[in-house]
Amino acid sequence: MKILNGIAGAPGVVFGDVLYFNKKIGCSKKMSIDEAVEKSLEKVRKMYDKALSDLGEDKAKIFSAYEMLLEDEMFIGPIKEMIEAGSAPEDAVTEVSESMSAILLKKENEYLRQRADDIRNVGNMIKETLCGADSDFVFPEGNDKYIIAAQELTPVDTMLFDHSRLLGFATKEGGATSHTVILAKSIGIPAVVGVPDLDGTVDLKRAYLDGYSGKFVVEPDEETKKIYDKKVIEEQEFIKSLETIKQNDAYTKDGERIKVAINIGKPSDLNGIENQKFDGVGLFRSEFLYSSSKEKPSVNQQYEAYKKVLDSVYPESVTIRTLDVGGDKQIEYFNVPKEENPFLGNRGIRLCLSNESIFMEQLKALLMAGADKKLKIMLPMVTRIEEITRTRELMEKAKKELELEGVAVSEDMELGIMIETPASAIMSEVFAKYCDFFSIGTNDLVQYIMSADRGNSAVENIYNPYNPAVLRMLNKVINDGAKAGIEVSVCGDLAANADFTEILLGMGLKKFSVPLPMINRIKKKISDINLSSAQELVKEVLSAEDENEVIKIIRKG
């Protein structure tokens, strides 16, 4: 028996056979550094599209960070200079990537140290491409699931696996905040990382993987097996306990009805909704229609996709966010010039309004799809009232054109905005006059409030949703919406973060929108909360002066 100790990454306890993942590298396909970088970019872009389609926009940002590194002259430039000075390409990539990651590894902050993995991963990808790398991994025949063990697993590696056959991940390298752990949570499997004694000898062995304690128990003896069999049963019972509320509405402990909707990125994300009670779709990202092809989707193609979701969810409502590209999400046929700071550039509603013909096609498809269903349109990245009023004008124009063609359209479609910029949050009291609803996108809102891009390892630790500035802004928006009598929901990561459930309820939030795998966990959390206690908690956190104080207040119990 071997008990290998690592870092608890993603929760869960499983038992099964282990497969050791080994990359095989042969240097028979040597290429230039420019070719290797371009090939790596192609691979990363494909992984971005796959992650966007399978896991959603937020998880796809992992690959956007890789893409930015591959296009960053501060990273690629020194490599080329070393090669021109006579260094072997592989050596140049190693030296530059290792020296850059070493700087981050010296930081005291664990999160920054883990961001060094990103630089190393990209460096390794370039080296593997230079030498014609091949993962050469195939699951055994059949449908059995396996624990995958490896020296390390990059996000690219994890996206190449057949997720339906994964029990969990165990890696020698990596930390609790690594992107691979984030992906493991999205897939819904446990992960243990940073296991120093892990090697290929675990291949084809039976093992327990405990994502709560960080233990990887290989070939357990009978006594240990009894202990871990009990843990596996307890985990299965916990998951079963969530099944008991699967068909129930969400209520707080003192009887307040709370809506819990789901976030999706494509129609197939609704697979598995049978016998699952939820309050419609709170966020349907429409980007997959545009990013899945080199040509823009037709009005009819969009209509069919929207209609499929609306029919599946009816009589509940569906909130579709209009095209949100730009920033880290680029689409070729928009021909957007490369920007120095794309996150503050032509993205979201700005890009749509500067490409009115494409935007009009989407509005027509939405108006058609919502003709006899409950469809809401939501605008991303709003900063000005003019963006809302101009959209209403275009909606009216699209409606008249469709009616002249004899096409049935929605007569009373609601129009709302995603509150994800400081401008819209600060002006929420005014913006509420022009909107039918708000949905708070906490991912970008936190980023902009803190002026910290999560993709930038030098400042990523500053991206902190526990900061009082974020909490006060959330409280303001929720209260401004309530005063105006419009619905307010939260659809970003904080909606699915158990640390924030009680805070958001105490602020007056009545609607959460979360990934489908999280819906029953959040419903269960809501059922354990008393609103009066939640309101007292909010008073405490809003009086806090820094994020450490906020965390202590939240976790004092």
Protein backbone atom coordinates (compact mmCIF):
# COMPACT_ATOMS: atom_id res chain seq x y z
CA MET A 1 0.00 0.00 0.00
CA LYS A 2 1.11 3.54 -0.77
CA ILE A 3 -0.52 6.62 0.76
CA LEU A 4 0.59 9.57 -1.33
CA ASN A 5 -0.10 12.99 0.17
CA GLY A 6 -0.83 15.99 -2.01
CA ILE A 7 -2.94 19.13 -2.12
CA ALA A 8 -6.73 18.92 -2.10
CA GLY A 9 -7.80 20.37 -5.44
CA ALA A 10 -11.38 19.52 -6.42
CA PRO A 11 -13.79 17.82 -3.97
CA GLY A 12 -14.99 14.24 -4.11
CA VAL A 13 -13.90 10.71 -3.17
CA VAL A 14 -13.62 7.96 -5.80
CA PHE A 15 -12.20 4.47 -6.18
CA GLY A 16 -10.98 2.89 -9.41
CA ASP A 17 -8.18 1.88 -11.72
CA VAL A 18 -5.34 4.31 -12.42
CA LEU A 19 -3.98 5.16 -15.84
CA TYR A 20 -0.66 6.99 -15.96
CA PHE A 21 -0.57 9.68 -18.66
CA ASN A 22 2.75 9.97 -20.48
CA LYS A 23 3.55 12.31 -23.34
CA LYS A 24 5.72 10.75 -26.00
CA ILE A 25 8.07 13.13 -27.78
CA GLY A 26 10.06 12.34 -30.88
CA CYS A 27 12.12 14.91 -32.76
CA SER A 28 11.49 13.64 -36.27
CA LYS A 29 9.36 16.66 -37.21
CA LYS A 30 11.68 19.54 -36.40
CA MET A 31 10.41 22.99 -37.30
CA SER A 32 11.35 26.63 -36.84
CA ILE A 33 10.43 28.63 -33.75
CA ASP A 34 7.95 30.71 -35.80
CA GLU A 35 6.26 27.53 -37.05
CA ALA A 36 6.17 26.06 -33.55
CA VAL A 37 4.59 29.19 -32.08
CA GLU A 38 2.00 29.29 -34.86
CA LYS A 39 1.19 25.59 -34.43
CA SER A 40 0.87 26.12 -30.67
CA LEU A 41 -1.46 29.06 -31.28
CA GLU A 42 -3.66 26.90 -33.52
CA LYS A 43 -3.86 24.23 -30.83
CA VAL A 44 -4.68 26.72 -28.08
CA ARG A 45 -7.39 28.36 -30.17
CA LYS A 46 -8.98 24.99 -30.82
CA MET A 47 -8.88 24.26 -27.10
CA TYR A 48 -10.47 27.64 -26.41
CA ASP A 49 -13.37 26.80 -28.73
CA LYS A 50 -13.76 23.36 -27.15
CA ALA A 51 -13.69 24.77 -23.62
CA LEU A 52 -16.16 27.50 -24.59
CA SER A 53 -18.48 24.88 -26.04
CA ASP A 54 -18.07 22.24 -23.29
CA LEU A 55 -17.41 24.25 -20.15
CA GLY A 56 -18.42 27.84 -20.77
CA GLU A 57 -16.83 31.21 -21.29
CA ASP A 58 -15.09 31.58 -17.96
CA LYS A 59 -13.15 28.30 -18.22
CA ALA A 60 -12.20 29.10 -21.82
CA LYS A 61 -10.27 32.12 -20.54
CA ILE A 62 -7.54 29.71 -19.48
CA PHE A 63 -6.67 29.23 -23.12
CA SER A 64 -6.99 32.94 -23.84
CA ALA A 65 -4.22 33.50 -21.31
CA TYR A 66 -2.07 30.97 -23.17
CA GLU A 67 -2.84 32.67 -26.48
CA MET A 68 -1.78 36.04 -25.10
CA LEU A 69 1.51 34.57 -23.89
CA LEU A 70 2.18 33.07 -27.32
CA GLU A 71 1.54 36.46 -28.91
CA ASP A 72 3.52 38.41 -26.29
CA GLU A 73 6.79 39.78 -27.66
CA MET A 74 8.11 40.12 -24.10
CA PHE A 75 7.99 36.31 -23.96
CA ILE A 76 8.61 35.24 -27.57
CA GLY A 77 11.09 38.03 -28.40
CA PRO A 78 13.85 36.92 -25.97
CA ILE A 79 13.49 33.34 -27.23
CA LYS A 80 14.11 34.42 -30.82
CA GLU A 81 17.05 36.59 -29.76
CA MET A 82 18.72 33.62 -28.04
CA ILE A 83 18.18 31.43 -31.11
CA GLU A 84 19.66 34.11 -33.38
CA ALA A 85 22.66 34.26 -31.02
CA GLY A 86 23.27 30.54 -31.53
CA SER A 87 21.23 28.76 -28.85
CA ALA A 88 19.28 25.63 -29.75
CA PRO A 89 15.53 26.46 -30.00
CA GLU A 90 14.57 24.04 -27.21
CA ASP A 91 17.25 25.48 -24.92
CA ALA A 92 16.14 29.05 -25.64
CA VAL A 93 12.51 28.25 -24.84
CA THR A 94 13.54 26.46 -21.64
CA GLU A 95 15.75 29.28 -20.39
CA VAL A 96 13.25 32.08 -21.05
CA SER A 97 10.20 30.24 -19.71
CA GLU A 98 12.04 28.95 -16.64
CA SER A 99 13.52 32.36 -15.80
CA MET A 100 10.14 34.09 -16.12
CA SER A 101 8.35 31.45 -14.05
CA ALA A 102 11.15 31.55 -11.44
CA ILE A 103 10.34 35.20 -10.77
CA LEU A 104 6.76 34.27 -9.87
CA LEU A 105 7.82 31.25 -7.84
CA LYS A 106 9.70 33.59 -5.48
CA LYS A 107 6.49 35.45 -4.64
CA GLU A 108 4.99 34.83 -1.23
CA ASN A 109 1.48 34.64 -2.67
CA GLU A 110 0.50 31.04 -3.50
CA TYR A 111 -1.72 32.14 -6.36
CA LEU A 112 1.14 33.97 -8.08
CA ARG A 113 3.39 30.97 -7.62
CA GLN A 114 0.83 28.82 -9.36
CA ARG A 115 0.67 31.27 -12.29
CA ALA A 116 4.25 30.28 -12.99
CA ASP A 117 2.66 27.04 -14.23
CA ASP A 118 1.05 28.94 -17.10
CA ILE A 119 4.41 30.16 -18.38
CA ARG A 120 5.97 26.72 -17.98
CA ASN A 121 3.00 25.08 -19.71
CA VAL A 122 3.27 27.39 -22.70
CA GLY A 123 7.04 26.90 -22.85
CA ASN A 124 6.61 23.12 -22.77
CA MET A 125 3.97 23.31 -25.47
CA ILE A 126 6.35 25.19 -27.77
CA LYS A 127 9.16 22.69 -27.08
CA GLU A 128 6.87 19.73 -27.70
CA THR A 129 5.68 21.29 -30.94
CA LEU A 130 9.27 21.93 -32.02
CA CYS A 131 9.93 18.20 -31.57
CA GLY A 132 6.64 16.84 -32.89
CA ALA A 133 5.03 15.93 -29.57
CA ASP A 134 2.23 13.39 -29.43
CA SER A 135 0.19 12.70 -26.32
CA ASP A 136 -0.40 9.16 -27.64
CA PHE A 137 -3.10 8.47 -25.05
CA VAL A 138 -6.05 6.18 -25.67
CA PHE A 139 -8.47 4.85 -23.06
CA PRO A 140 -8.79 1.04 -22.92
CA GLU A 141 -11.73 -0.41 -24.81
CA GLY A 142 -15.06 -0.29 -23.05
CA ASN A 143 -16.84 2.34 -20.98
CA ASP A 144 -15.01 2.02 -17.65
CA LYS A 145 -13.92 5.23 -15.92
CA TYR A 146 -10.38 5.84 -14.68
CA ILE A 147 -8.30 7.99 -12.36
CA ILE A 148 -5.72 9.76 -14.52
CA ALA A 149 -2.31 10.22 -12.89
CA ALA A 150 0.50 12.24 -14.41
CA GLN A 151 3.63 14.27 -13.78
CA GLU A 152 1.46 17.23 -14.67
CA LEU A 153 -1.67 17.90 -16.69
CA THR A 154 -1.96 21.12 -18.59
CA PRO A 155 -5.42 22.50 -19.40
CA VAL A 156 -4.77 21.46 -22.99
CA ASP A 157 -4.18 17.87 -21.84
CA THR A 158 -7.38 17.76 -19.78
CA MET A 159 -9.42 19.06 -22.69
CA LEU A 160 -8.14 16.24 -24.94
CA PHE A 161 -9.51 13.50 -22.64
CA ASP A 162 -12.93 11.93 -23.05
CA HIS A 163 -14.54 13.51 -19.99
CA SER A 164 -17.19 10.79 -19.75
CA ARG A 165 -14.47 8.28 -18.79
CA LEU A 166 -12.75 10.29 -16.08
CA LEU A 167 -13.03 9.50 -12.36
CA GLY A 168 -10.48 12.03 -11.19
CA PHE A 169 -7.00 13.56 -11.57
CA ALA A 170 -3.80 13.08 -9.55
CA THR A 171 -0.67 15.02 -10.50
CA LYS A 172 2.86 15.35 -9.17
CA GLU A 173 2.95 19.06 -9.96
CA GLY A 174 0.41 21.85 -9.68
CA GLY A 175 -1.38 23.71 -6.93
CA ALA A 176 -4.88 24.17 -5.54
CA THR A 177 -5.50 27.22 -7.70
CA SER A 178 -4.11 25.79 -10.94
CA HIS A 179 -6.22 25.93 -14.07
CA THR A 180 -6.35 22.13 -14.22
CA VAL A 181 -8.09 22.11 -10.83
CA ILE A 182 -10.57 24.69 -12.13
CA LEU A 183 -11.30 22.47 -15.11
CA ALA A 184 -11.67 19.41 -12.85
CA LYS A 185 -14.33 21.24 -10.85
CA SER A 186 -16.11 22.18 -14.06
CA ILE A 187 -16.11 18.59 -15.23
CA GLY A 188 -17.31 17.55 -11.77
CA ILE A 189 -14.49 15.19 -10.77
CA PRO A 190 -12.10 15.20 -7.77
CA ALA A 191 -8.47 16.25 -8.14
CA VAL A 192 -5.38 15.90 -5.94
CA VAL A 193 -2.32 17.86 -7.06
CA GLY A 194 1.23 18.46 -5.84
CA VAL A 195 1.83 14.79 -4.98
CA PRO A 196 5.66 14.67 -4.67
CA ASP A 197 6.07 10.87 -4.74
CA LEU A 198 3.76 10.20 -7.68
CA ASP A 199 5.30 8.29 -10.60
CA GLY A 200 4.49 5.77 -13.31
CA THR A 201 4.43 2.82 -10.90
CA VAL A 202 0.79 3.63 -10.12
CA ASP A 203 -0.23 2.68 -13.66
CA LEU A 204 -3.02 0.05 -13.75
CA LYS A 205 -3.18 -0.06 -9.92
CA ARG A 206 -6.38 0.27 -7.87
CA ALA A 207 -6.61 3.42 -5.79
CA TYR A 208 -8.73 5.83 -3.77
CA LEU A 209 -8.58 9.52 -4.67
CA ASP A 210 -9.72 11.85 -1.88
CA GLY A 211 -10.20 15.38 -3.15
CA TYR A 212 -11.15 16.60 0.34
CA SER A 213 -7.98 15.53 2.20
CA GLY A 214 -5.52 15.47 -0.71
CA LYS A 215 -4.69 11.78 -0.30
CA PHE A 216 -4.06 9.31 -3.12
CA VAL A 217 -4.19 5.78 -1.66
CA VAL A 218 -2.75 3.15 -4.03
CA GLU A 219 -3.31 -0.59 -3.55
CA PRO A 220 -4.84 -0.11 -0.06
CA ASP A 221 -4.66 -2.80 2.60
CA GLU A 222 -7.87 -4.23 4.04
CA GLU A 223 -8.01 -1.87 7.04
CA THR A 224 -7.51 1.22 4.88
CA LYS A 225 -9.97 -0.10 2.35
CA LYS A 226 -12.66 -0.27 5.06
CA ILE A 227 -12.01 3.37 6.00
CA TYR A 228 -12.13 4.64 2.43
CA ASP A 229 -15.04 2.48 1.38
CA LYS A 230 -16.96 4.31 4.07
CA LYS A 231 -15.82 7.68 2.69
CA VAL A 232 -16.93 6.70 -0.81
CA ILE A 233 -20.32 5.64 0.52
CA GLU A 234 -20.66 8.92 2.46
CA GLU A 235 -19.85 10.88 -0.68
CA GLN A 236 -22.40 8.92 -2.66
CA GLU A 237 -24.98 9.50 0.07
CA PHE A 238 -24.28 13.24 0.03
CA ILE A 239 -24.81 13.33 -3.72
CA LYS A 240 -27.99 11.29 -3.27
CA SER A 241 -29.18 13.77 -0.61
CA LEU A 242 -29.03 16.45 -3.26
CA GLU A 243 -31.31 14.31 -5.39
CA THR A 244 -34.06 14.71 -2.79
CA ILE A 245 -34.30 18.42 -3.58
CA LYS A 246 -33.88 17.96 -7.32
CA GLN A 247 -37.57 18.44 -8.05
CA ASN A 248 -38.18 21.08 -5.37
CA ASP A 249 -38.23 24.85 -5.59
CA ALA A 250 -35.68 26.72 -3.50
CA TYR A 251 -36.83 28.25 -0.20
CA THR A 252 -34.86 29.80 2.63
CA LYS A 253 -35.15 28.29 6.10
CA ASP A 254 -37.81 30.86 6.96
CA GLY A 255 -39.86 30.24 3.82
CA GLU A 256 -38.74 32.89 1.31
CA ARG A 257 -38.99 31.63 -2.29
CA ILE A 258 -35.71 32.10 -4.19
CA LYS A 259 -35.28 31.46 -7.90
CA VAL A 260 -32.34 29.34 -9.07
CA ALA A 261 -31.78 29.35 -12.83
CA ILE A 262 -28.98 27.85 -14.91
CA ASN A 263 -26.22 29.19 -17.15
CA ILE A 264 -25.64 27.53 -20.52
CA GLY A 265 -23.37 28.08 -23.50
CA LYS A 266 -25.16 25.94 -26.09
CA PRO A 267 -28.40 23.93 -26.42
CA SER A 268 -26.71 20.62 -25.54
CA ASP A 269 -25.90 22.03 -22.08
CA LEU A 270 -29.52 21.22 -21.26
CA ASN A 271 -28.80 17.50 -21.46
CA GLY A 272 -29.65 16.03 -18.09
CA ILE A 273 -32.41 18.48 -17.12
CA GLU A 274 -35.00 15.72 -16.95
CA ASN A 275 -36.66 15.68 -13.52
CA GLN A 276 -34.54 18.70 -12.52
CA LYS A 277 -36.47 21.64 -11.15
CA PHE A 278 -34.99 25.03 -12.01
CA ASP A 279 -36.23 28.51 -12.76
CA GLY A 280 -35.37 28.79 -16.42
CA VAL A 281 -32.13 29.87 -18.05
CA GLY A 282 -30.62 32.93 -16.43
CA LEU A 283 -27.76 33.21 -18.93
CA PHE A 284 -27.53 31.72 -22.42
CA ARG A 285 -24.24 32.81 -23.99
CA SER A 286 -24.78 33.17 -27.72
CA GLU A 287 -21.07 33.26 -28.64
CA PHE A 288 -20.88 29.56 -29.54
CA LEU A 289 -22.94 30.26 -32.67
CA TYR A 290 -20.33 32.70 -33.89
CA SER A 291 -17.11 31.03 -32.73
CA SER A 292 -17.94 27.52 -33.98
CA SER A 293 -17.53 28.50 -37.62
CA LYS A 294 -15.42 30.80 -39.77
CA GLU A 295 -18.63 32.19 -41.26
CA LYS A 296 -21.24 34.13 -39.33
CA PRO A 297 -24.42 32.19 -38.55
CA SER A 298 -27.53 32.94 -40.59
CA VAL A 299 -30.69 34.33 -39.02
CA ASN A 300 -32.31 30.92 -39.40
CA GLN A 301 -29.39 29.06 -37.78
CA GLN A 302 -29.59 31.37 -34.79
CA TYR A 303 -33.36 31.07 -34.65
CA GLU A 304 -33.16 27.26 -34.56
CA ALA A 305 -30.63 27.27 -31.70
CA TYR A 306 -32.59 29.79 -29.63
CA LYS A 307 -35.88 28.03 -30.30
CA LYS A 308 -34.47 24.68 -29.22
CA VAL A 309 -33.57 26.08 -25.80
CA LEU A 310 -36.84 27.98 -25.44
CA ASP A 311 -38.89 24.88 -26.28
CA SER A 312 -36.89 22.75 -23.84
CA VAL A 313 -37.34 25.16 -20.94
CA TYR A 314 -40.89 26.45 -21.54
CA PRO A 315 -42.89 27.64 -19.62
CA GLU A 316 -39.86 29.01 -17.78
CA SER A 317 -38.03 32.00 -19.23
CA VAL A 318 -34.72 32.11 -21.08
CA THR A 319 -32.35 35.08 -20.90
CA ILE A 320 -30.12 35.25 -23.97
CA ARG A 321 -27.08 37.49 -23.84
CA THR A 322 -26.39 39.15 -27.16
CA LEU A 323 -23.07 38.51 -28.83
CA ASP A 324 -20.25 39.19 -26.38
CA VAL A 325 -16.95 39.11 -28.24
CA GLY A 326 -13.90 41.33 -28.26
CA GLY A 327 -11.51 41.43 -25.32
CA ASP A 328 -10.09 37.90 -25.08
CA LYS A 329 -12.68 36.49 -27.50
CA GLN A 330 -11.95 37.34 -31.11
CA ILE A 331 -13.93 36.33 -34.22
CA GLU A 332 -12.23 36.61 -37.60
CA TYR A 333 -15.05 38.04 -39.72
CA PHE A 334 -15.47 41.07 -37.44
CA ASN A 335 -12.05 42.27 -38.60
CA VAL A 336 -11.36 44.05 -35.32
CA PRO A 337 -7.88 45.65 -35.36
CA LYS A 338 -5.50 44.31 -32.71
CA GLU A 339 -5.83 46.46 -29.60
CA GLU A 340 -3.23 47.13 -26.92
CA ASN A 341 -5.84 46.68 -24.19
CA PRO A 342 -8.73 44.66 -25.67
CA PHE A 343 -10.53 44.34 -22.33
CA LEU A 344 -11.07 48.10 -22.44
CA GLY A 345 -11.57 48.17 -26.19
CA ASN A 346 -14.26 47.43 -28.76
CA ARG A 347 -16.12 44.54 -27.14
CA GLY A 348 -19.62 43.47 -26.13
CA ILE A 349 -22.43 45.88 -26.97
CA ARG A 350 -19.89 48.35 -28.37
CA LEU A 351 -18.79 45.88 -31.01
CA CYS A 352 -22.39 44.96 -31.84
CA LEU A 353 -23.45 48.57 -32.30
CA SER A 354 -20.45 49.22 -34.54
CA ASN A 355 -21.49 46.19 -36.64
CA GLU A 356 -25.19 46.92 -36.89
CA SER A 357 -25.93 44.60 -39.82
CA ILE A 358 -24.68 41.57 -37.84
CA PHE A 359 -26.41 42.80 -34.69
CA MET A 360 -29.70 43.28 -36.58
CA GLU A 361 -29.56 39.65 -37.73
CA GLN A 362 -29.25 38.48 -34.14
CA LEU A 363 -32.09 40.73 -32.97
CA LYS A 364 -34.34 39.37 -35.75
CA ALA A 365 -33.54 35.79 -34.77
CA LEU A 366 -34.31 36.59 -31.13
CA LEU A 367 -37.60 38.34 -31.95
CA MET A 368 -38.66 35.38 -34.09
CA ALA A 369 -37.66 32.75 -31.51
CA GLY A 370 -39.47 34.58 -28.71
CA ALA A 371 -42.74 34.96 -30.60
CA ASP A 372 -44.67 32.56 -28.34
CA LYS A 373 -42.19 31.93 -25.53
CA LYS A 374 -40.69 33.76 -22.54
CA LEU A 375 -37.48 35.23 -23.92
CA LYS A 376 -35.43 38.04 -22.43
CA ILE A 377 -32.61 39.86 -24.23
CA MET A 378 -29.57 40.90 -22.20
CA LEU A 379 -26.86 43.32 -23.34
CA PRO A 380 -23.21 42.83 -22.26
CA MET A 381 -20.62 45.44 -21.31
CA VAL A 382 -23.04 48.37 -21.09
CA THR A 383 -21.56 51.67 -19.90
CA ARG A 384 -23.96 54.26 -21.37
CA ILE A 385 -27.72 54.78 -21.53
CA GLU A 386 -27.32 55.43 -25.27
CA GLU A 387 -26.35 51.78 -25.77
CA ILE A 388 -29.68 50.68 -24.30
CA THR A 389 -31.82 53.22 -26.18
CA ARG A 390 -30.05 52.51 -29.50
CA THR A 391 -30.66 48.79 -29.04
CA ARG A 392 -34.36 49.45 -28.45
CA GLU A 393 -34.44 51.45 -31.69
CA LEU A 394 -32.82 48.59 -33.59
CA MET A 395 -35.21 46.09 -32.01
CA GLU A 396 -38.15 48.18 -33.20
CA LYS A 397 -36.64 48.44 -36.68
CA ALA A 398 -36.04 44.68 -36.83
CA LYS A 399 -39.56 44.03 -35.63
CA LYS A 400 -41.12 46.20 -38.36
CA GLU A 401 -39.02 44.58 -41.08
CA LEU A 402 -40.07 41.11 -39.95
CA GLU A 403 -43.74 42.09 -39.73
CA LEU A 404 -43.61 43.42 -43.31
CA GLU A 405 -42.38 39.96 -44.32
CA GLY A 406 -45.29 38.38 -42.47
CA VAL A 407 -43.09 36.82 -39.80
CA ALA A 408 -44.48 36.44 -36.29
CA VAL A 409 -42.45 38.23 -33.62
CA SER A 410 -42.49 38.78 -29.88
CA GLU A 411 -44.64 41.74 -28.86
CA ASP A 412 -43.41 42.28 -25.33
CA MET A 413 -39.84 41.02 -25.12
CA GLU A 414 -37.95 42.25 -22.06
CA LEU A 415 -34.63 44.03 -22.50
CA GLY A 416 -32.09 44.10 -19.69
CA ILE A 417 -28.38 44.53 -19.15
CA MET A 418 -25.56 42.64 -17.55
CA ILE A 419 -24.12 44.76 -14.78
CA GLU A 420 -20.41 44.05 -15.22
CA THR A 421 -18.81 47.48 -15.56
CA PRO A 422 -18.26 50.05 -12.80
CA ALA A 423 -20.19 52.58 -14.92
CA SER A 424 -23.35 50.45 -15.01
CA ALA A 425 -23.02 49.53 -11.32
CA ILE A 426 -22.51 53.11 -10.16
CA MET A 427 -25.36 54.31 -12.38
CA SER A 428 -27.65 51.36 -11.66
CA GLU A 429 -30.32 53.61 -10.11
CA VAL A 430 -30.55 55.56 -13.39
CA PHE A 431 -30.06 52.58 -15.72
CA ALA A 432 -32.98 50.82 -14.00
CA LYS A 433 -35.31 53.37 -15.63
CA TYR A 434 -34.32 52.06 -19.06
CA CYS A 435 -34.20 48.32 -18.29
CA ASP A 436 -36.64 45.53 -17.54
CA PHE A 437 -34.09 43.59 -15.48
CA PHE A 438 -30.48 43.43 -14.30
CA SER A 439 -28.15 40.44 -14.20
CA ILE A 440 -24.87 40.96 -12.36
CA GLY A 441 -21.87 39.44 -14.12
CA THR A 442 -19.50 39.21 -11.19
CA ASN A 443 -16.52 37.86 -13.16
CA ASP A 444 -15.88 41.02 -15.16
CA LEU A 445 -17.31 43.32 -12.50
CA VAL A 446 -14.72 42.18 -9.94
CA GLN A 447 -11.99 42.50 -12.57
CA TYR A 448 -12.91 46.07 -13.43
CA ILE A 449 -13.57 47.21 -9.87
CA MET A 450 -10.19 45.88 -8.74
CA SER A 451 -8.42 46.89 -11.99
CA ALA A 452 -6.91 43.41 -12.01
CA ASP A 453 -7.05 40.97 -14.90
CA ARG A 454 -7.17 37.36 -13.72
CA GLY A 455 -5.17 36.42 -16.79
CA ASN A 456 -2.27 38.62 -15.65
CA SER A 457 -0.28 36.66 -13.10
CA ALA A 458 1.40 39.79 -11.77
CA VAL A 459 -1.88 41.20 -10.43
CA GLU A 460 -4.16 38.18 -10.28
CA ASN A 461 -4.00 38.01 -6.48
CA ILE A 462 -5.64 41.45 -6.39
CA TYR A 463 -8.65 40.03 -8.21
CA ASN A 464 -10.56 39.38 -5.00
CA PRO A 465 -14.37 39.19 -4.73
CA TYR A 466 -14.13 39.47 -0.92
CA ASN A 467 -12.90 43.05 -1.23
CA PRO A 468 -15.33 45.48 0.48
CA ALA A 469 -15.48 47.59 -2.70
CA VAL A 470 -16.99 44.62 -4.56
CA LEU A 471 -19.47 43.84 -1.78
CA ARG A 472 -20.64 47.44 -1.49
CA MET A 473 -21.14 47.62 -5.26
CA LEU A 474 -23.17 44.40 -5.25
CA ASN A 475 -25.31 45.70 -2.41
CA LYS A 476 -25.97 48.96 -4.27
CA VAL A 477 -27.04 47.27 -7.51
CA ILE A 478 -29.33 44.77 -5.79
CA ASN A 479 -30.99 47.52 -3.77
CA ASP A 480 -31.32 49.91 -6.73
CA GLY A 481 -33.03 47.18 -8.74
CA ALA A 482 -35.42 46.45 -5.88
CA LYS A 483 -36.31 50.14 -5.52
CA ALA A 484 -37.08 50.31 -9.25
CA GLY A 485 -39.17 47.15 -9.08
CA ILE A 486 -37.10 45.20 -11.62
CA GLU A 487 -35.69 41.70 -11.30
CA VAL A 488 -32.04 41.39 -10.27
CA SER A 489 -30.06 38.17 -10.58
CA VAL A 490 -26.41 37.16 -10.26
CA CYS A 491 -25.06 34.94 -13.04
CA GLY A 492 -21.29 35.12 -12.45
CA ASP A 493 -19.07 32.82 -10.38
CA LEU A 494 -20.22 34.29 -7.08
CA ALA A 495 -23.71 32.88 -7.62
CA ALA A 496 -22.22 29.38 -7.31
CA ASN A 497 -19.77 30.26 -4.51
CA ALA A 498 -21.15 28.96 -1.22
CA ASP A 499 -19.28 31.70 0.68
CA PHE A 500 -21.49 34.30 -0.96
CA THR A 501 -24.92 32.64 -0.87
CA GLU A 502 -25.88 34.04 2.53
CA ILE A 503 -24.41 37.45 1.73
CA LEU A 504 -26.34 37.77 -1.52
CA LEU A 505 -29.57 36.66 0.16
CA GLY A 506 -28.97 39.16 2.96
CA MET A 507 -28.54 41.91 0.36
CA GLY A 508 -31.97 41.05 -1.01
CA LEU A 509 -31.11 38.92 -4.04
CA LYS A 510 -34.03 36.78 -5.16
CA LYS A 511 -32.51 34.99 -8.16
CA PHE A 512 -29.29 33.02 -8.70
CA SER A 513 -28.10 31.62 -12.02
CA VAL A 514 -25.49 28.87 -11.84
CA PRO A 515 -24.01 26.01 -13.90
CA LEU A 516 -26.36 23.01 -14.01
CA PRO A 517 -24.05 20.75 -11.91
CA MET A 518 -24.18 23.33 -9.08
CA ILE A 519 -27.92 23.91 -8.96
CA ASN A 520 -28.84 21.40 -6.24
CA ARG A 521 -25.86 22.36 -4.06
CA ILE A 522 -26.98 26.00 -4.14
CA LYS A 523 -30.62 25.06 -3.49
CA LYS A 524 -29.45 23.05 -0.47
CA LYS A 525 -27.35 25.96 0.77
CA ILE A 526 -30.30 28.35 0.42
CA SER A 527 -32.53 25.98 2.42
CA ASP A 528 -30.12 26.19 5.38
CA ILE A 529 -30.17 30.01 5.57
CA ASN A 530 -32.45 32.23 7.63
CA LEU A 531 -32.97 35.65 6.00
CA SER A 532 -32.82 37.62 9.23
CA SER A 533 -29.42 36.09 10.03
CA ALA A 534 -28.28 36.78 6.47
CA GLN A 535 -29.23 40.44 6.82
CA GLU A 536 -27.20 40.70 10.02
CA LEU A 537 -24.23 39.11 8.25
CA VAL A 538 -24.47 41.73 5.50
CA LYS A 539 -24.32 44.54 8.04
CA GLU A 540 -21.07 43.07 9.36
CA VAL A 541 -19.36 42.52 6.00
CA LEU A 542 -20.34 45.97 4.72
CA SER A 543 -18.61 47.52 7.73
CA ALA A 544 -15.37 45.59 7.04
CA GLU A 545 -12.34 47.49 5.81
CA ASP A 546 -10.46 44.81 3.91
CA GLU A 547 -10.94 41.37 2.37
CA ASN A 548 -9.24 39.52 5.24
CA GLU A 549 -11.77 40.93 7.67
CA VAL A 550 -14.60 39.95 5.33
CA ILE A 551 -13.34 36.36 5.11
CA LYS A 552 -13.06 36.12 8.92
CA ILE A 553 -16.65 37.35 9.30
CA ILE A 554 -17.99 34.89 6.71
CA ARG A 555 -16.13 31.90 8.11
CA LYS A 556 -16.32 32.71 11.80
CA GLY A 557 -18.68 29.82 12.35
